Amino acid sequence: SVSKSGVKYIATNAQGLYNACTHVSREDARPGDLIFFHSTDSTRN
């Protein structure tokens, strides 16, 4: 989605996307920002 939108080409996993982001508070979040979750799968990330 991000690559097709022209915003940025990126190919990575959820952790890599998190690492590539500037972190924003819930109050400052805007449509188009990413939302991240933990412990939904068994991974080392």
All heavy atoms as atom14 arrays in JSON, in Angstrom:
{
  "sequence": "SVSKSGVKYIATNAQGLYNACTHVSREDARPGDLIFFHSTDSTRN",
  "atom14_mask": [
    [1, 1, 1, 1, 1, 1, 0, 0, 0, 0, 0, 0, 0, 0],
    [1, 1, 1, 1, 1, 1, 1, 0, 0, 0, 0, 0, 0, 0],
    [1, 1, 1, 1, 1, 1, 0, 0, 0, 0, 0, 0, 0, 0],
    [1, 1, 1, 1, 1, 1, 1, 1, 1, 0, 0, 0, 0, 0],
    [1, 1, 1, 1, 1, 1, 0, 0, 0, 0, 0, 0, 0, 0],
    [1, 1, 1, 1, 0, 0, 0, 0, 0, 0, 0, 0, 0, 0],
    [1, 1, 1, 1, 1, 1, 1, 0, 0, 0, 0, 0, 0, 0],
    [1, 1, 1, 1, 1, 1, 1, 1, 1, 0, 0, 0, 0, 0],
    [1, 1, 1, 1, 1, 1, 1, 1, 1, 1, 1, 1, 0, 0],
    [1, 1, 1, 1, 1, 1, 1, 1, 0, 0, 0, 0, 0, 0],
    [1, 1, 1, 1, 1, 0, 0, 0, 0, 0, 0, 0, 0, 0],
    [1, 1, 1, 1, 1, 1, 1, 0, 0, 0, 0, 0, 0, 0],
    [1, 1, 1, 1, 1, 1, 1, 1, 0, 0, 0, 0, 0, 0],
    [1, 1, 1, 1, 1, 0, 0, 0, 0, 0, 0, 0, 0, 0],
    [1, 1, 1, 1, 1, 1, 1, 1, 1, 0, 0, 0, 0, 0],
    [1, 1, 1, 1, 0, 0, 0, 0, 0, 0, 0, 0, 0, 0],
    [1, 1, 1, 1, 1, 1, 1, 1, 0, 0, 0, 0, 0, 0],
    [1, 1, 1, 1, 1, 1, 1, 1, 1, 1, 1, 1, 0, 0],
    [1, 1, 1, 1, 1, 1, 1, 1, 0, 0, 0, 0, 0, 0],
    [1, 1, 1, 1, 1, 0, 0, 0, 0, 0, 0, 0, 0, 0],
    [1, 1, 1, 1, 1, 1, 0, 0, 0, 0, 0, 0, 0, 0],
    [1, 1, 1, 1, 1, 1, 1, 0, 0, 0, 0, 0, 0, 0],
    [1, 1, 1, 1, 1, 1, 1, 1, 1, 1, 0, 0, 0, 0],
    [1, 1, 1, 1, 1, 1, 1, 0, 0, 0, 0, 0, 0, 0],
    [1, 1, 1, 1, 1, 1, 0, 0, 0, 0, 0, 0, 0, 0],
    [1, 1, 1, 1, 1, 1, 1, 1, 1, 1, 1, 0, 0, 0],
    [1, 1, 1, 1, 1, 1, 1, 1, 1, 0, 0, 0, 0, 0],
    [1, 1, 1, 1, 1, 1, 1, 1, 0, 0, 0, 0, 0, 0],
    [1, 1, 1, 1, 1, 0, 0, 0, 0, 0, 0, 0, 0, 0],
    [1, 1, 1, 1, 1, 1, 1, 1, 1, 1, 1, 0, 0, 0],
    [1, 1, 1, 1, 1, 1, 1, 0, 0, 0, 0, 0, 0, 0],
    [1, 1, 1, 1, 0, 0, 0, 0, 0, 0, 0, 0, 0, 0],
    [1, 1, 1, 1, 1, 1, 1, 1, 0, 0, 0, 0, 0, 0],
    [1, 1, 1, 1, 1, 1, 1, 1, 0, 0, 0, 0, 0, 0],
    [1, 1, 1, 1, 1, 1, 1, 1, 0, 0, 0, 0, 0, 0],
    [1, 1, 1, 1, 1, 1, 1, 1, 1, 1, 1, 0, 0, 0],
    [1, 1, 1, 1, 1, 1, 1, 1, 1, 1, 1, 0, 0, 0],
    [1, 1, 1, 1, 1, 1, 1, 1, 1, 1, 0, 0, 0, 0],
    [1, 1, 1, 1, 1, 1, 0, 0, 0, 0, 0, 0, 0, 0],
    [1, 1, 1, 1, 1, 1, 1, 0, 0, 0, 0, 0, 0, 0],
    [1, 1, 1, 1, 1, 1, 1, 1, 0, 0, 0, 0, 0, 0],
    [1, 1, 1, 1, 1, 1, 0, 0, 0, 0, 0, 0, 0, 0],
    [1, 1, 1, 1, 1, 1, 1, 0, 0, 0, 0, 0, 0, 0],
    [1, 1, 1, 1, 1, 1, 1, 1, 1, 1, 1, 0, 0, 0],
    [1, 1, 1, 1, 1, 1, 1, 1, 0, 0, 0, 0, 0, 0]
  ],
  "atom14_positions": [
    [[0.82, -1.21, 0.0], [0.0, 0.0, 0.0], [0.86, 1.26, 0.0], [0.61, 2.19, -0.77], [-0.92, 0.02, 1.22], [-1.8, -1.07, 1.2], [0.0, 0.0, 0.0], [0.0, 0.0, 0.0], [0.0, 0.0, 0.0], [0.0, 0.0, 0.0], [0.0, 0.0, 0.0], [0.0, 0.0, 0.0], [0.0, 0.0, 0.0], [0.0, 0.0, 0.0]],
    [[1.86, 1.3, 0.85], [2.73, 2.47, 0.95], [3.51, 2.65, -0.35], [3.65, 3.76, -0.86], [3.66, 2.34, 2.17], [4.75, 3.39, 2.17], [2.85, 2.42, 3.46], [0.0, 0.0, 0.0], [0.0, 0.0, 0.0], [0.0, 0.0, 0.0], [0.0, 0.0, 0.0], [0.0, 0.0, 0.0], [0.0, 0.0, 0.0], [0.0, 0.0, 0.0]],
    [[4.02, 1.55, -0.9], [4.79, 1.64, -2.14], [3.91, 2.08, -3.3], [4.31, 2.91, -4.12], [5.45, 0.3, -2.46], [6.39, -0.03, -1.46], [0.0, 0.0, 0.0], [0.0, 0.0, 0.0], [0.0, 0.0, 0.0], [0.0, 0.0, 0.0], [0.0, 0.0, 0.0], [0.0, 0.0, 0.0], [0.0, 0.0, 0.0], [0.0, 0.0, 0.0]],
    [[2.69, 1.55, -3.41], [1.78, 1.91, -4.49], [1.31, 3.35, -4.37], [0.98, 3.99, -5.37], [0.57, 0.98, -4.54], [0.91, -0.4, -5.04], [1.33, -0.33, -6.48], [1.6, -1.7, -7.04], [2.07, -1.66, -8.41], [0.0, 0.0, 0.0], [0.0, 0.0, 0.0], [0.0, 0.0, 0.0], [0.0, 0.0, 0.0], [0.0, 0.0, 0.0]],
    [[1.25, 3.88, -3.15], [0.78, 5.26, -2.95], [1.82, 6.28, -3.38], [1.51, 7.46, -3.52], [0.43, 5.5, -1.48], [1.62, 5.6, -0.71], [0.0, 0.0, 0.0], [0.0, 0.0, 0.0], [0.0, 0.0, 0.0], [0.0, 0.0, 0.0], [0.0, 0.0, 0.0], [0.0, 0.0, 0.0], [0.0, 0.0, 0.0], [0.0, 0.0, 0.0]],
    [[3.05, 5.83, -3.55], [4.12, 6.74, -3.93], [4.78, 7.41, -2.75], [5.7, 8.2, -2.91], [0.0, 0.0, 0.0], [0.0, 0.0, 0.0], [0.0, 0.0, 0.0], [0.0, 0.0, 0.0], [0.0, 0.0, 0.0], [0.0, 0.0, 0.0], [0.0, 0.0, 0.0], [0.0, 0.0, 0.0], [0.0, 0.0, 0.0], [0.0, 0.0, 0.0]],
    [[4.33, 7.11, -1.54], [4.93, 7.71, -0.35], [6.37, 7.24, -0.18], [7.27, 8.03, 0.02], [4.11, 7.37, 0.92], [4.83, 7.81, 2.18], [2.74, 8.01, 0.84], [0.0, 0.0, 0.0], [0.0, 0.0, 0.0], [0.0, 0.0, 0.0], [0.0, 0.0, 0.0], [0.0, 0.0, 0.0], [0.0, 0.0, 0.0], [0.0, 0.0, 0.0]],
    [[6.57, 5.94, -0.28], [7.9, 5.38, -0.04], [7.9, 3.94, -0.51], [6.91, 3.23, -0.3], [8.21, 5.47, 1.45], [9.57, 4.98, 1.85], [9.8, 5.23, 3.33], [11.25, 5.03, 3.68], [11.57, 5.53, 5.0], [0.0, 0.0, 0.0], [0.0, 0.0, 0.0], [0.0, 0.0, 0.0], [0.0, 0.0, 0.0], [0.0, 0.0, 0.0]],
    [[9.0, 3.5, -1.12], [9.13, 2.08, -1.4], [9.8, 1.44, -0.2], [10.86, 1.89, 0.25], [9.95, 1.79, -2.66], [10.14, 0.3, -2.81], [9.1, -0.48, -3.31], [11.29, -0.33, -2.37], [9.22, -1.85, -3.4], [11.41, -1.71, -2.45], [10.37, -2.46, -2.96], [10.48, -3.82, -3.02], [0.0, 0.0, 0.0], [0.0, 0.0, 0.0]],
    [[9.17, 0.43, 0.33], [9.74, -0.27, 1.48], [9.3, -1.73, 1.41], [8.17, -2.03, 1.03], [9.33, 0.4, 2.81], [10.12, -0.15, 3.98], [7.83, 0.35, 3.02], [10.04, 0.69, 5.24], [0.0, 0.0, 0.0], [0.0, 0.0, 0.0], [0.0, 0.0, 0.0], [0.0, 0.0, 0.0], [0.0, 0.0, 0.0], [0.0, 0.0, 0.0]],
    [[10.19, -2.62, 1.74], [9.89, -4.05, 1.77], [10.51, -4.62, 3.03], [11.73, -4.77, 3.11], [10.44, -4.75, 0.53], [0.0, 0.0, 0.0], [0.0, 0.0, 0.0], [0.0, 0.0, 0.0], [0.0, 0.0, 0.0], [0.0, 0.0, 0.0], [0.0, 0.0, 0.0], [0.0, 0.0, 0.0], [0.0, 0.0, 0.0], [0.0, 0.0, 0.0]],
    [[9.69, -4.89, 4.01], [10.19, -5.37, 5.29], [9.05, -6.02, 6.07], [7.93, -6.11, 5.6], [10.86, -4.21, 6.09], [11.48, -4.75, 7.25], [9.84, -3.14, 6.46], [0.0, 0.0, 0.0], [0.0, 0.0, 0.0], [0.0, 0.0, 0.0], [0.0, 0.0, 0.0], [0.0, 0.0, 0.0], [0.0, 0.0, 0.0], [0.0, 0.0, 0.0]],
    [[9.33, -6.43, 7.28], [8.31, -7.0, 8.14], [7.76, -5.94, 9.1], [8.14, -4.76, 9.02], [8.87, -8.21, 8.91], [10.06, -7.85, 9.78], [10.28, -6.69, 10.13], [10.84, -8.85, 10.15], [0.0, 0.0, 0.0], [0.0, 0.0, 0.0], [0.0, 0.0, 0.0], [0.0, 0.0, 0.0], [0.0, 0.0, 0.0], [0.0, 0.0, 0.0]],
    [[6.86, -6.33, 10.0], [6.23, -5.37, 10.92], [7.28, -4.66, 11.78], [7.2, -3.45, 11.98], [5.19, -6.08, 11.78], [0.0, 0.0, 0.0], [0.0, 0.0, 0.0], [0.0, 0.0, 0.0], [0.0, 0.0, 0.0], [0.0, 0.0, 0.0], [0.0, 0.0, 0.0], [0.0, 0.0, 0.0], [0.0, 0.0, 0.0], [0.0, 0.0, 0.0]],
    [[8.26, -5.38, 12.27], [9.31, -4.77, 13.09], [10.11, -3.77, 12.26], [10.43, -2.68, 12.74], [10.23, -5.84, 13.68], [11.29, -5.29, 14.61], [10.73, -4.8, 15.93], [10.04, -5.54, 16.62], [11.0, -3.56, 16.28], [0.0, 0.0, 0.0], [0.0, 0.0, 0.0], [0.0, 0.0, 0.0], [0.0, 0.0, 0.0], [0.0, 0.0, 0.0]],
    [[10.42, -4.11, 11.03], [11.17, -3.21, 10.16], [10.39, -1.94, 9.85], [10.95, -0.84, 9.8], [0.0, 0.0, 0.0], [0.0, 0.0, 0.0], [0.0, 0.0, 0.0], [0.0, 0.0, 0.0], [0.0, 0.0, 0.0], [0.0, 0.0, 0.0], [0.0, 0.0, 0.0], [0.0, 0.0, 0.0], [0.0, 0.0, 0.0], [0.0, 0.0, 0.0]],
    [[9.07, -2.06, 9.66], [8.24, -0.88, 9.45], [8.25, 0.0, 10.7], [8.38, 1.21, 10.61], [6.81, -1.29, 9.1], [6.62, -1.78, 7.66], [5.32, -2.56, 7.52], [6.65, -0.61, 6.7], [0.0, 0.0, 0.0], [0.0, 0.0, 0.0], [0.0, 0.0, 0.0], [0.0, 0.0, 0.0], [0.0, 0.0, 0.0], [0.0, 0.0, 0.0]],
    [[8.13, -0.62, 11.86], [8.19, 0.13, 13.11], [9.53, 0.88, 13.22], [9.56, 2.06, 13.55], [8.01, -0.81, 14.3], [8.19, -0.13, 15.63], [7.17, 0.65, 16.17], [9.38, -0.25, 16.33], [7.35, 1.29, 17.39], [9.56, 0.38, 17.54], [8.54, 1.15, 18.07], [8.72, 1.78, 19.28], [0.0, 0.0, 0.0], [0.0, 0.0, 0.0]],
    [[10.61, 0.19, 12.91], [11.94, 0.8, 13.01], [12.11, 1.95, 12.03], [12.9, 2.86, 12.27], [13.03, -0.25, 12.78], [13.05, -1.31, 13.86], [12.47, -1.16, 14.93], [13.71, -2.42, 13.57], [0.0, 0.0, 0.0], [0.0, 0.0, 0.0], [0.0, 0.0, 0.0], [0.0, 0.0, 0.0], [0.0, 0.0, 0.0], [0.0, 0.0, 0.0]],
    [[11.38, 1.93, 10.9], [11.5, 2.97, 9.88], [10.63, 4.2, 10.17], [10.71, 5.19, 9.46], [11.12, 2.39, 8.51], [0.0, 0.0, 0.0], [0.0, 0.0, 0.0], [0.0, 0.0, 0.0], [0.0, 0.0, 0.0], [0.0, 0.0, 0.0], [0.0, 0.0, 0.0], [0.0, 0.0, 0.0], [0.0, 0.0, 0.0], [0.0, 0.0, 0.0]],
    [[9.82, 4.12, 11.2], [8.87, 5.18, 11.51], [9.39, 6.15, 12.57], [10.2, 5.8, 13.41], [7.56, 4.59, 12.05], [6.49, 3.92, 10.81], [0.0, 0.0, 0.0], [0.0, 0.0, 0.0], [0.0, 0.0, 0.0], [0.0, 0.0, 0.0], [0.0, 0.0, 0.0], [0.0, 0.0, 0.0], [0.0, 0.0, 0.0], [0.0, 0.0, 0.0]],
    [[8.85, 7.36, 12.51], [8.92, 8.29, 13.62], [7.73, 7.93, 14.5], [6.6, 7.81, 14.0], [8.78, 9.75, 13.13], [9.85, 10.02, 12.23], [8.81, 10.72, 14.28], [0.0, 0.0, 0.0], [0.0, 0.0, 0.0], [0.0, 0.0, 0.0], [0.0, 0.0, 0.0], [0.0, 0.0, 0.0], [0.0, 0.0, 0.0], [0.0, 0.0, 0.0]],
    [[7.96, 7.76, 15.76], [6.89, 7.33, 16.65], [6.06, 8.53, 17.07], [6.6, 9.6, 17.35], [7.47, 6.56, 17.83], [8.34, 5.44, 17.33], [9.66, 5.33, 17.64], [8.07, 4.42, 16.48], [10.18, 4.29, 17.01], [9.23, 3.73, 16.3], [0.0, 0.0, 0.0], [0.0, 0.0, 0.0], [0.0, 0.0, 0.0], [0.0, 0.0, 0.0]],
    [[4.74, 8.37, 17.06], [3.82, 9.44, 17.42], [2.87, 8.93, 18.5], [2.59, 7.73, 18.58], [3.02, 9.96, 16.2], [3.93, 10.61, 15.18], [2.2, 8.87, 15.55], [0.0, 0.0, 0.0], [0.0, 0.0, 0.0], [0.0, 0.0, 0.0], [0.0, 0.0, 0.0], [0.0, 0.0, 0.0], [0.0, 0.0, 0.0], [0.0, 0.0, 0.0]],
    [[2.37, 9.85, 19.3], [1.43, 9.48, 20.35], [0.07, 9.17, 19.74], [-0.24, 9.56, 18.61], [1.29, 10.61, 21.36], [0.63, 11.71, 20.76], [0.0, 0.0, 0.0], [0.0, 0.0, 0.0], [0.0, 0.0, 0.0], [0.0, 0.0, 0.0], [0.0, 0.0, 0.0], [0.0, 0.0, 0.0], [0.0, 0.0, 0.0], [0.0, 0.0, 0.0]],
    [[-0.75, 8.5, 20.5], [-2.12, 8.19, 20.06], [-2.86, 9.49, 19.74], [-3.6, 9.56, 18.77], [-2.84, 7.4, 21.14], [-4.22, 6.92, 20.74], [-4.89, 6.13, 21.85], [-4.29, 4.85, 22.03], [-4.92, 3.7, 21.85], [-6.19, 3.69, 21.49], [-4.31, 2.56, 22.04], [0.0, 0.0, 0.0], [0.0, 0.0, 0.0], [0.0, 0.0, 0.0]],
    [[-2.65, 10.51, 20.55], [-3.32, 11.79, 20.36], [-2.87, 12.49, 19.07], [-3.64, 13.26, 18.49], [-3.07, 12.72, 21.55], [-3.62, 12.22, 22.88], [-2.78, 11.11, 23.51], [-1.54, 11.1, 23.33], [-3.38, 10.23, 24.17], [0.0, 0.0, 0.0], [0.0, 0.0, 0.0], [0.0, 0.0, 0.0], [0.0, 0.0, 0.0], [0.0, 0.0, 0.0]],
    [[-1.62, 12.27, 18.64], [-1.08, 12.91, 17.45], [-1.21, 12.06, 16.19], [-0.83, 12.49, 15.11], [0.38, 13.29, 17.66], [0.54, 14.41, 18.68], [-0.38, 15.23, 18.82], [1.59, 14.44, 19.35], [0.0, 0.0, 0.0], [0.0, 0.0, 0.0], [0.0, 0.0, 0.0], [0.0, 0.0, 0.0], [0.0, 0.0, 0.0], [0.0, 0.0, 0.0]],
    [[-1.73, 10.84, 16.34], [-1.86, 9.95, 15.18], [-2.85, 10.54, 14.17], [-3.88, 11.11, 14.55], [-2.31, 8.57, 15.63], [0.0, 0.0, 0.0], [0.0, 0.0, 0.0], [0.0, 0.0, 0.0], [0.0, 0.0, 0.0], [0.0, 0.0, 0.0], [0.0, 0.0, 0.0], [0.0, 0.0, 0.0], [0.0, 0.0, 0.0], [0.0, 0.0, 0.0]],
    [[-2.5, 10.39, 12.88], [-3.32, 10.9, 11.78], [-3.63, 9.75, 10.82], [-2.84, 8.8, 10.72], [-2.59, 11.99, 11.01], [-2.21, 13.18, 11.85], [-1.63, 14.32, 11.04], [-0.56, 13.93, 10.12], [0.61, 14.54, 10.02], [0.89, 15.58, 10.78], [1.51, 14.13, 9.16], [0.0, 0.0, 0.0], [0.0, 0.0, 0.0], [0.0, 0.0, 0.0]],
    [[-4.75, 9.85, 10.09], [-5.02, 8.84, 9.07], [-3.82, 8.7, 8.13], [-3.2, 9.7, 7.73], [-6.24, 9.41, 8.34], [-6.94, 10.21, 9.41], [-5.82, 10.85, 10.19], [0.0, 0.0, 0.0], [0.0, 0.0, 0.0], [0.0, 0.0, 0.0], [0.0, 0.0, 0.0], [0.0, 0.0, 0.0], [0.0, 0.0, 0.0], [0.0, 0.0, 0.0]],
    [[-3.46, 7.48, 7.85], [-2.29, 7.19, 7.03], [-1.09, 6.77, 7.86], [-0.15, 6.18, 7.33], [0.0, 0.0, 0.0], [0.0, 0.0, 0.0], [0.0, 0.0, 0.0], [0.0, 0.0, 0.0], [0.0, 0.0, 0.0], [0.0, 0.0, 0.0], [0.0, 0.0, 0.0], [0.0, 0.0, 0.0], [0.0, 0.0, 0.0], [0.0, 0.0, 0.0]],
    [[-1.11, 7.08, 9.16], [-0.04, 6.59, 10.03], [-0.2, 5.08, 10.18], [-1.23, 4.5, 9.81], [-0.12, 7.25, 11.41], [0.34, 8.7, 11.41], [1.03, 9.11, 10.46], [-0.01, 9.43, 12.36], [0.0, 0.0, 0.0], [0.0, 0.0, 0.0], [0.0, 0.0, 0.0], [0.0, 0.0, 0.0], [0.0, 0.0, 0.0], [0.0, 0.0, 0.0]],
    [[0.81, 4.46, 10.72], [0.75, 3.01, 10.95], [0.48, 2.75, 12.42], [0.85, 3.53, 13.28], [2.07, 2.36, 10.52], [2.47, 2.61, 9.07], [3.76, 1.86, 8.74], [1.36, 2.23, 8.1], [0.0, 0.0, 0.0], [0.0, 0.0, 0.0], [0.0, 0.0, 0.0], [0.0, 0.0, 0.0], [0.0, 0.0, 0.0], [0.0, 0.0, 0.0]],
    [[-0.18, 1.65, 12.68], [-0.46, 1.22, 14.05], [0.17, -0.16, 14.23], [0.05, -1.02, 13.36], [-1.97, 1.24, 14.35], [-2.25, 0.87, 15.81], [-2.75, 0.39, 13.38], [-3.68, 1.09, 16.24], [0.0, 0.0, 0.0], [0.0, 0.0, 0.0], [0.0, 0.0, 0.0], [0.0, 0.0, 0.0], [0.0, 0.0, 0.0], [0.0, 0.0, 0.0]],
    [[0.87, -0.32, 15.34], [1.64, -1.53, 15.58], [1.14, -2.27, 16.81], [0.69, -1.66, 17.78], [3.11, -1.16, 15.8], [3.74, -0.5, 14.61], [3.8, 0.88, 14.51], [4.25, -1.26, 13.57], [4.37, 1.5, 13.41], [4.81, -0.66, 12.45], [4.87, 0.73, 12.38], [0.0, 0.0, 0.0], [0.0, 0.0, 0.0], [0.0, 0.0, 0.0]],
    [[1.3, -3.59, 16.75], [0.88, -4.46, 17.83], [2.0, -5.45, 18.16], [2.85, -5.74, 17.32], [-0.39, -5.23, 17.42], [-1.52, -4.3, 17.08], [-1.72, -3.9, 15.76], [-2.37, -3.82, 18.05], [-2.75, -3.04, 15.43], [-3.41, -2.95, 17.74], [-3.6, -2.56, 16.42], [0.0, 0.0, 0.0], [0.0, 0.0, 0.0], [0.0, 0.0, 0.0]],
    [[1.99, -5.94, 19.38], [3.01, -6.9, 19.84], [2.34, -8.22, 20.22], [1.13, -8.27, 20.47], [3.78, -6.34, 21.05], [2.92, -6.21, 22.27], [2.78, -7.22, 23.19], [2.15, -5.19, 22.72], [1.96, -6.84, 24.15], [1.56, -5.6, 23.89], [0.0, 0.0, 0.0], [0.0, 0.0, 0.0], [0.0, 0.0, 0.0], [0.0, 0.0, 0.0]],
    [[3.14, -9.26, 20.23], [2.74, -10.58, 20.76], [1.51, -11.17, 20.08], [0.72, -11.87, 20.72], [2.51, -10.48, 22.27], [3.64, -9.94, 22.91], [0.0, 0.0, 0.0], [0.0, 0.0, 0.0], [0.0, 0.0, 0.0], [0.0, 0.0, 0.0], [0.0, 0.0, 0.0], [0.0, 0.0, 0.0], [0.0, 0.0, 0.0], [0.0, 0.0, 0.0]],
    [[1.34, -10.93, 18.79], [0.24, -11.55, 18.07], [0.66, -12.83, 17.38], [-0.18, -13.6, 16.93], [-0.35, -10.58, 17.03], [0.67, -10.22, 16.1], [-0.92, -9.33, 17.69], [0.0, 0.0, 0.0], [0.0, 0.0, 0.0], [0.0, 0.0, 0.0], [0.0, 0.0, 0.0], [0.0, 0.0, 0.0], [0.0, 0.0, 0.0], [0.0, 0.0, 0.0]],
    [[1.96, -13.04, 17.25], [2.55, -14.24, 16.65], [3.81, -14.59, 17.43], [4.39, -13.74, 18.11], [2.95, -14.0, 15.19], [1.77, -13.94, 14.26], [0.93, -14.86, 14.3], [1.69, -12.98, 13.48], [0.0, 0.0, 0.0], [0.0, 0.0, 0.0], [0.0, 0.0, 0.0], [0.0, 0.0, 0.0], [0.0, 0.0, 0.0], [0.0, 0.0, 0.0]],
    [[4.26, -15.8, 17.28], [5.52, -16.23, 17.9], [6.67, -15.89, 16.96], [6.89, -16.59, 15.98], [5.5, -17.72, 18.18], [4.5, -18.02, 19.12], [0.0, 0.0, 0.0], [0.0, 0.0, 0.0], [0.0, 0.0, 0.0], [0.0, 0.0, 0.0], [0.0, 0.0, 0.0], [0.0, 0.0, 0.0], [0.0, 0.0, 0.0], [0.0, 0.0, 0.0]],
    [[7.34, -14.79, 17.25], [8.54, -14.41, 16.52], [9.53, -13.85, 17.52], [9.18, -13.58, 18.66], [8.28, -13.32, 15.44], [8.03, -12.09, 16.08], [7.12, -13.69, 14.54], [0.0, 0.0, 0.0], [0.0, 0.0, 0.0], [0.0, 0.0, 0.0], [0.0, 0.0, 0.0], [0.0, 0.0, 0.0], [0.0, 0.0, 0.0], [0.0, 0.0, 0.0]],
    [[10.74, -13.6, 17.07], [11.73, -13.01, 17.96], [11.59, -11.5, 18.03], [12.21, -10.84, 18.85], [13.15, -13.4, 17.53], [13.5, -12.96, 16.13], [14.89, -13.46, 15.71], [15.12, -13.19, 14.32], [15.65, -12.08, 13.87], [16.05, -11.14, 14.69], [15.83, -11.91, 12.57], [0.0, 0.0, 0.0], [0.0, 0.0, 0.0], [0.0, 0.0, 0.0]],
    [[10.74, -10.93, 17.16], [10.53, -9.49, 17.12], [9.5, -9.06, 18.16], [8.56, -9.79, 18.46], [10.04, -9.06, 15.74], [11.07, -9.3, 14.67], [12.25, -9.07, 14.89], [10.64, -9.77, 13.52], [0.0, 0.0, 0.0], [0.0, 0.0, 0.0], [0.0, 0.0, 0.0], [0.0, 0.0, 0.0], [0.0, 0.0, 0.0], [0.0, 0.0, 0.0]]
  ]
}
